[in-house]
Protein backbone atom coordinates (compact mmCIF):
# COMPACT_ATOMS: atom_id res chain seq x y z
CA MET A 1 -5.05 -18.16 -29.11
CA ALA A 2 -3.61 -17.49 -25.57
CA SER A 3 0.06 -18.36 -24.66
CA THR A 4 1.61 -20.03 -21.70
CA SER A 5 2.85 -16.65 -20.18
CA ASP A 6 -1.15 -15.75 -19.54
CA PHE A 7 -1.86 -19.75 -17.78
CA PRO A 8 -1.00 -19.15 -14.23
CA GLN A 9 2.03 -21.20 -12.73
CA LYS A 10 1.38 -22.88 -9.41
CA ASP A 11 3.53 -21.06 -6.97
CA GLY A 12 0.60 -18.11 -7.83
CA THR A 13 2.68 -15.91 -11.07
CA HIS A 14 2.67 -16.92 -13.86
CA GLU A 15 5.56 -17.80 -16.92
CA GLY A 16 6.46 -14.88 -17.65
CA GLY A 17 7.40 -13.61 -13.76
CA ALA A 18 4.30 -11.64 -13.36
CA PRO A 19 1.53 -11.96 -10.10
CA ASP A 20 -1.85 -14.04 -10.61
CA VAL A 21 -4.34 -10.91 -9.84
CA PRO A 22 -7.86 -10.74 -10.51
CA LYS A 23 -9.40 -9.65 -13.87
CA MET A 24 -11.42 -6.56 -13.22
CA PRO A 25 -13.94 -4.69 -15.27
CA ARG A 26 -12.84 -2.58 -18.02
CA THR A 27 -13.68 0.87 -17.46
CA GLY A 28 -16.52 3.39 -19.11
CA VAL A 29 -15.36 6.74 -18.54
CA GLN A 30 -12.35 8.31 -18.31
CA GLU A 31 -11.23 12.27 -16.59
CA PHE A 32 -11.11 14.56 -19.31
CA THR A 33 -10.87 18.90 -18.29
CA ALA A 34 -13.87 20.22 -18.27
CA ARG A 35 -14.76 23.45 -20.17
CA SER A 36 -14.06 26.59 -17.72
CA ILE A 37 -13.59 30.11 -17.37
CA HIS A 38 -11.16 32.58 -15.09
CA GLY A 39 -14.50 32.68 -12.08
CA GLY A 40 -12.87 36.58 -11.95
CA LEU A 41 -14.47 38.09 -14.92
CA ALA A 42 -17.36 35.89 -14.13
CA LEU A 43 -17.99 37.40 -10.82
CA LEU A 44 -17.16 41.10 -12.26
CA LEU A 45 -19.91 40.39 -14.98
CA GLY A 46 -22.14 38.85 -12.06
CA LEU A 47 -22.00 41.78 -10.25
CA LEU A 48 -22.50 44.50 -12.77
CA GLY A 49 -25.75 42.89 -13.93
CA LEU A 50 -27.08 43.55 -10.59
CA CYS A 51 -26.25 46.28 -10.20
CA ALA A 52 -27.40 47.07 -13.72
CA GLY A 53 -31.26 45.00 -12.14
CA VAL A 54 -31.82 46.77 -9.55
CA ALA A 55 -30.79 50.97 -11.24
CA LEU A 56 -33.32 49.76 -13.61
CA LEU A 57 -35.85 48.91 -9.97
CA ALA A 58 -34.61 51.88 -8.81
CA VAL A 59 -35.25 54.67 -11.96
CA ALA A 60 -38.23 52.75 -13.06
CA ALA A 61 -39.57 53.02 -8.94
CA ALA A 62 -38.79 56.87 -9.73
CA ALA A 63 -40.87 57.40 -13.21
CA HIS A 64 -43.51 58.81 -13.46
CA ASP A 65 -44.87 57.35 -16.40
CA SER A 66 -46.76 54.08 -16.59
CA THR A 67 -45.59 52.95 -20.07
CA THR A 68 -41.22 53.55 -18.90
CA LYS A 69 -42.51 51.28 -15.25
CA ALA A 70 -44.37 48.75 -18.17
CA ALA A 71 -40.81 48.49 -19.59
CA LEU A 72 -37.82 48.91 -17.32
CA ILE A 73 -39.53 46.62 -13.96
CA PRO A 74 -39.09 43.29 -15.64
CA CYS A 75 -36.04 44.07 -17.54
CA GLY A 76 -34.68 44.77 -14.24
CA ILE A 77 -36.21 41.97 -12.41
CA VAL A 78 -35.22 39.65 -15.66
CA LEU A 79 -31.56 40.58 -15.37
CA ILE A 80 -31.14 41.02 -11.87
CA ILE A 81 -32.25 36.92 -11.79
CA ALA A 82 -30.40 36.00 -14.91
CA ALA A 83 -27.35 37.90 -12.40
CA ILE A 84 -27.83 35.16 -9.76
CA VAL A 85 -28.25 32.41 -11.99
CA ALA A 86 -25.06 33.62 -13.67
CA MET A 87 -23.26 33.35 -10.00
CA ARG A 88 -24.51 29.56 -9.47
CA GLY A 89 -21.85 28.89 -12.24
CA LEU A 90 -18.83 30.13 -9.56
CA ASN A 91 -16.50 27.26 -7.97
CA MET A 92 -14.14 27.48 -5.22
CA VAL A 93 -11.33 24.68 -6.05
CA ALA A 94 -8.80 24.23 -3.30
CA PRO A 95 -5.25 23.06 -4.12
CA GLY A 96 -5.62 18.46 -3.79
CA GLU A 97 -8.57 19.19 -4.85
CA ALA A 98 -11.14 18.44 -8.32
CA ARG A 99 -15.27 19.16 -9.16
CA VAL A 100 -16.23 16.39 -11.52
CA VAL A 101 -19.16 18.33 -13.06
CA GLN A 102 -21.99 17.19 -14.54
CA LEU A 103 -25.05 18.56 -16.97
CA PHE A 104 -28.48 17.07 -16.59
CA GLY A 105 -27.15 13.88 -15.34
CA ARG A 106 -23.84 13.77 -18.39
CA TYR A 107 -20.54 13.88 -17.45
CA ARG A 108 -19.09 17.01 -18.73
CA GLY A 109 -15.57 16.86 -17.39
CA THR A 110 -13.45 17.58 -14.03
CA ILE A 111 -11.73 20.62 -12.97
CA ARG A 112 -8.53 20.66 -11.07
CA THR A 113 -7.14 24.37 -11.65
CA ASP A 114 -6.87 25.76 -8.07
CA GLY A 115 -8.72 28.86 -7.48
CA LEU A 116 -12.25 30.70 -8.69
CA ARG A 117 -13.75 28.69 -12.01
CA TRP A 118 -16.86 29.63 -13.93
CA VAL A 119 -18.97 26.93 -15.43
CA ASN A 120 -22.36 26.15 -16.64
CA PRO A 121 -24.65 27.20 -13.56
CA PHE A 122 -27.41 24.32 -15.15
CA THR A 123 -24.37 21.94 -14.44
CA THR A 124 -24.05 19.85 -11.31
CA ARG A 125 -20.43 19.84 -9.50
CA ARG A 126 -19.70 17.02 -7.08
CA ARG A 127 -15.76 17.76 -5.28
CA ILE A 128 -13.47 15.41 -5.04
CA SER A 129 -10.53 15.32 -3.18
CA THR A 130 -6.79 14.23 -4.94
CA ARG A 131 -4.91 14.60 -2.03
CA VAL A 132 -2.43 11.62 -0.61
CA ARG A 133 -4.67 9.48 1.62
CA ASN A 134 -3.78 5.94 3.92
CA HIS A 135 -5.41 3.57 4.91
CA GLU A 136 -5.10 0.74 7.62
CA THR A 137 -6.92 -2.31 7.86
CA PRO A 138 -7.38 -3.68 11.02
CA VAL A 139 -5.92 -6.86 12.34
CA LEU A 140 -6.93 -9.65 10.35
CA LYS A 141 -6.47 -12.88 11.36
CA VAL A 142 -5.96 -15.55 8.23
CA ASN A 143 -3.98 -18.88 7.88
CA ASP A 144 -0.48 -18.46 5.99
CA ALA A 145 0.50 -21.31 2.86
CA TYR A 146 0.55 -24.17 5.69
CA GLY A 147 -2.66 -23.51 7.67
CA ASN A 148 -1.13 -22.10 10.45
CA PRO A 149 -3.18 -19.21 11.92
CA ILE A 150 -1.17 -15.27 11.51
CA GLU A 151 -2.53 -12.13 12.30
CA LEU A 152 -1.41 -9.30 9.87
CA ALA A 153 -2.46 -5.97 9.26
CA ALA A 154 -1.29 -3.32 6.24
CA VAL A 155 -1.48 0.28 5.45
CA VAL A 156 -1.57 1.40 1.77
CA VAL A 157 -0.72 5.19 0.67
CA TRP A 158 -3.25 5.82 -2.44
CA LYS A 159 -4.54 8.89 -4.06
CA VAL A 160 -7.39 9.75 -6.51
CA ARG A 161 -5.78 9.30 -10.24
CA ASP A 162 -9.24 9.73 -12.42
CA THR A 163 -12.05 11.64 -10.55
CA ALA A 164 -14.52 10.14 -13.36
CA GLN A 165 -13.46 6.79 -12.70
CA ALA A 166 -13.76 7.44 -8.96
CA THR A 167 -17.71 8.54 -9.27
CA PHE A 168 -19.26 6.67 -12.02
CA GLU A 169 -17.35 3.45 -11.91
CA VAL A 170 -18.09 2.59 -8.20
CA ASP A 171 -20.60 3.57 -5.38
CA ASP A 172 -17.91 5.05 -3.28
CA PHE A 173 -14.48 4.42 -3.57
CA LEU A 174 -13.54 4.78 -0.08
CA GLU A 175 -15.09 1.59 0.70
CA PHE A 176 -14.14 0.53 -2.50
CA VAL A 177 -10.44 0.94 -1.70
CA GLY A 178 -10.52 -0.47 1.59
CA THR A 179 -12.56 -3.91 0.53
CA GLN A 180 -10.47 -4.73 -1.98
CA THR A 181 -7.42 -3.80 0.33
CA GLU A 182 -8.62 -6.89 2.65
CA ALA A 183 -9.63 -8.89 -0.30
CA ALA A 184 -5.61 -8.36 -1.25
CA LEU A 185 -4.02 -8.46 2.51
CA ARG A 186 -5.92 -11.73 2.79
CA HIS A 187 -5.04 -13.36 -0.77
CA ILE A 188 -1.07 -12.67 -0.58
CA ALA A 189 -1.66 -14.16 3.25
CA ILE A 190 -2.62 -17.46 2.10
CA GLU A 191 0.04 -17.50 -1.17
CA TYR A 192 3.01 -17.58 1.35
CA PRO A 193 3.60 -19.18 4.97
CA TYR A 194 4.72 -17.16 7.87
CA ASP A 195 8.44 -18.23 8.34
CA ALA A 196 9.46 -20.48 5.33
CA HIS A 197 11.08 -23.90 5.89
CA ASP A 198 12.96 -24.23 2.57
CA GLU A 199 15.73 -22.53 3.04
CA GLY A 200 15.17 -20.17 -0.67
CA GLY A 201 11.38 -20.31 -0.10
CA LEU A 202 9.37 -16.63 -0.06
CA SER A 203 8.20 -15.90 3.66
CA LEU A 204 5.79 -13.49 4.87
CA ARG A 205 8.89 -12.74 7.86
CA GLY A 206 11.97 -13.00 6.09
CA ASN A 207 11.08 -11.26 2.82
CA ALA A 208 7.90 -8.88 3.31
CA GLU A 209 10.26 -6.17 0.95
CA GLU A 210 9.03 -8.36 -2.42
CA ILE A 211 5.61 -9.31 -0.23
CA THR A 212 4.51 -5.52 0.09
CA GLU A 213 5.81 -5.04 -3.15
CA LYS A 214 3.66 -8.35 -4.60
CA LEU A 215 0.87 -6.52 -2.59
CA ALA A 216 0.59 -3.20 -4.31
CA VAL A 217 0.90 -5.06 -7.98
CA GLU A 218 -2.59 -7.31 -7.20
CA LEU A 219 -3.92 -4.08 -5.35
CA SER A 220 -2.94 -1.77 -8.41
CA VAL A 221 -5.23 -3.85 -10.23
CA ARG A 222 -7.83 -4.60 -8.08
CA VAL A 223 -8.68 -0.77 -7.53
CA GLU A 224 -7.70 0.46 -10.80
CA ALA A 225 -11.90 0.61 -11.59
CA ALA A 226 -11.96 3.08 -9.35
CA GLY A 227 -9.70 5.13 -10.52
CA VAL A 228 -7.17 4.81 -7.94
CA GLN A 229 -3.00 4.88 -7.62
CA ILE A 230 -1.45 2.92 -5.20
CA ILE A 231 1.45 4.63 -3.86
CA GLU A 232 3.13 2.55 -1.44
CA SER A 233 1.90 -0.35 0.88
CA ARG A 234 3.45 -1.73 3.95
CA PHE A 235 2.95 -4.50 6.54
CA THR A 236 2.00 -2.63 10.37
CA HIS A 237 1.26 -6.07 12.09
CA LEU A 238 2.90 -9.16 11.30
CA ALA A 239 2.20 -12.59 13.93
CA TYR A 240 1.36 -15.37 15.14
CA ALA A 241 -2.30 -15.96 16.54
CA PRO A 242 -2.26 -16.20 19.88
CA GLU A 243 -3.27 -19.66 20.19
CA ILE A 244 -0.24 -21.28 18.24
CA ALA A 245 2.79 -18.62 19.27
CA SER A 246 4.10 -20.36 22.03
CA ALA A 247 4.95 -23.55 20.18
CA MET A 248 5.94 -21.68 17.02
CA LEU A 249 8.10 -19.67 20.04
CA GLN A 250 9.71 -22.88 20.81
CA ARG A 251 10.43 -24.07 17.63
CA GLN A 252 12.16 -20.70 16.79
CA GLN A 253 13.99 -20.77 19.68
CA ALA A 254 14.74 -24.61 19.04
CA GLY A 255 15.91 -23.42 15.90
CA ALA A 256 17.99 -20.71 16.94
CA VAL A 257 19.90 -23.36 19.36
CA VAL A 258 20.30 -25.55 16.79
CA ALA A 259 21.82 -23.43 14.71
CA ALA A 260 23.89 -21.83 17.75
CA ARG A 261 25.21 -25.20 18.35
CA ARG A 262 26.34 -26.07 14.98
CA GLN A 263 28.50 -22.88 14.52
CA ILE A 264 29.65 -23.97 17.66
CA VAL A 265 30.72 -27.21 16.75
CA ASP A 266 31.75 -25.60 13.27
CA GLY A 267 34.60 -23.45 15.12
CA ALA A 268 35.46 -25.94 17.40
CA VAL A 269 36.36 -28.40 14.30
CA GLY A 270 38.84 -25.73 12.34
CA MET A 271 40.70 -24.95 16.22
CA VAL A 272 41.00 -28.56 16.56
CA GLU A 273 42.44 -29.01 13.60
CA ALA A 274 44.69 -26.02 13.86
CA ALA A 275 46.04 -27.13 17.33
CA LEU A 276 47.25 -30.92 15.70
CA LYS A 277 48.04 -28.97 12.43
CA ARG A 278 50.55 -26.78 15.15
CA LEU A 279 51.60 -30.00 16.63
CA ARG A 280 52.94 -31.41 13.77
CA GLN A 281 54.23 -28.52 12.36
CA GLU A 282 56.87 -26.93 15.45
CA ASP A 283 57.12 -31.02 16.03
CA ILE A 284 55.96 -30.13 19.44
CA VAL A 285 54.75 -33.62 20.58
CA VAL A 286 54.45 -36.96 18.24
CA LEU A 287 50.98 -38.44 18.76
CA ASP A 288 49.77 -41.97 17.46
CA GLU A 289 46.20 -42.35 16.10
CA GLU A 290 45.07 -43.36 19.06
CA ARG A 291 46.11 -40.38 21.47
CA GLN A 292 44.88 -37.97 18.80
CA ALA A 293 41.63 -39.04 18.52
CA ALA A 294 41.78 -39.21 22.31
CA MET A 295 43.11 -35.56 22.30
CA VAL A 296 40.13 -34.58 19.62
CA SER A 297 37.49 -36.37 21.67
CA ASN A 298 39.11 -33.79 24.58
CA LEU A 299 39.13 -30.78 22.69
CA LEU A 300 36.22 -30.99 21.71
CA VAL A 301 34.30 -31.79 24.86
CA VAL A 302 35.69 -28.63 26.14
CA LEU A 303 35.03 -26.23 22.90
CA CYS A 304 31.54 -27.52 22.43
CA GLY A 305 30.73 -27.90 26.19
CA ASP A 306 28.01 -25.73 27.57
CA ARG A 307 29.64 -25.43 30.89
CA ALA A 308 33.52 -25.10 32.36
CA ALA A 309 35.32 -28.33 32.16
CA GLN A 310 37.40 -29.36 35.11
CA PRO A 311 40.94 -29.68 34.58
CA ILE A 312 42.70 -33.36 35.37
CA VAL A 313 46.93 -32.82 35.57
CA ASN A 314 48.64 -36.06 34.77
CA THR A 315 51.22 -35.86 36.18
CA GLY A 316 53.27 -39.50 34.78
CA THR A 317 53.76 -39.92 31.62
CA LEU A 318 51.75 -39.72 28.74
CA TYR A 319 50.95 -43.46 28.21
CA GLN A 320 50.41 -44.02 31.66
């Protein structure tokens, strides 16, 4: 019976904190090391066999006895053919590469040791690169969690972890990684807004580190069947779509103006409070409630206004 943590919540995550990721099929083949020997010894034996076959043919050509020729010529031909066939099992494996070995369609292991290696000459060997690769998605246009059209792109750093799965579990692991990267990027984009209206909510722009971590986790699950390991993923492009970019820019500017005004008001109130407190402490002047309110109003106008105030000099008394 499944526990409650196995069911996704409304925010796209499980109760235990794991992200909501698709369920991919289990793999049916796992990589193991193929049987191989050092290629130098095999090359030496092949060359010796080839030379021995040629020598037998030369001796047979020089012999005058027909019986000797009939015995040496077939042996020389067989030895040359055997040496050539045996040397077909030689493989040059470069660093950062592997060879997937098959014998009559059956998987017989993977060669990861670099250098000259020899395997069964009747096998077929497929070259697989195990180097670290980059995949950059094109700019995708999707709707975020609020329904606003946005444009985003990402780059994924990955490498082949299991050569057997990359060869036999999917048709083309390069195309598979590209397709699943776009699918995961679209899924992440529709789960979160570009800018969160709630102060504590996650957003694509404000929480890029957390979102990319979730993207890497989901992508790792998606490409696990292909034997691929995700090393890192990052956003390379993130913006509103052109049709709403100007409107969203005005919204951001309005938010910035409101935040700036709020900070100005907070500072002005603090300055007025400090001024009144100092006047009372040093007993410079005694103000009644009406004059104190007028002074506070004038100070706030001067401190919060966006233009320089015009001073008015009172030549009379305070109450005239």
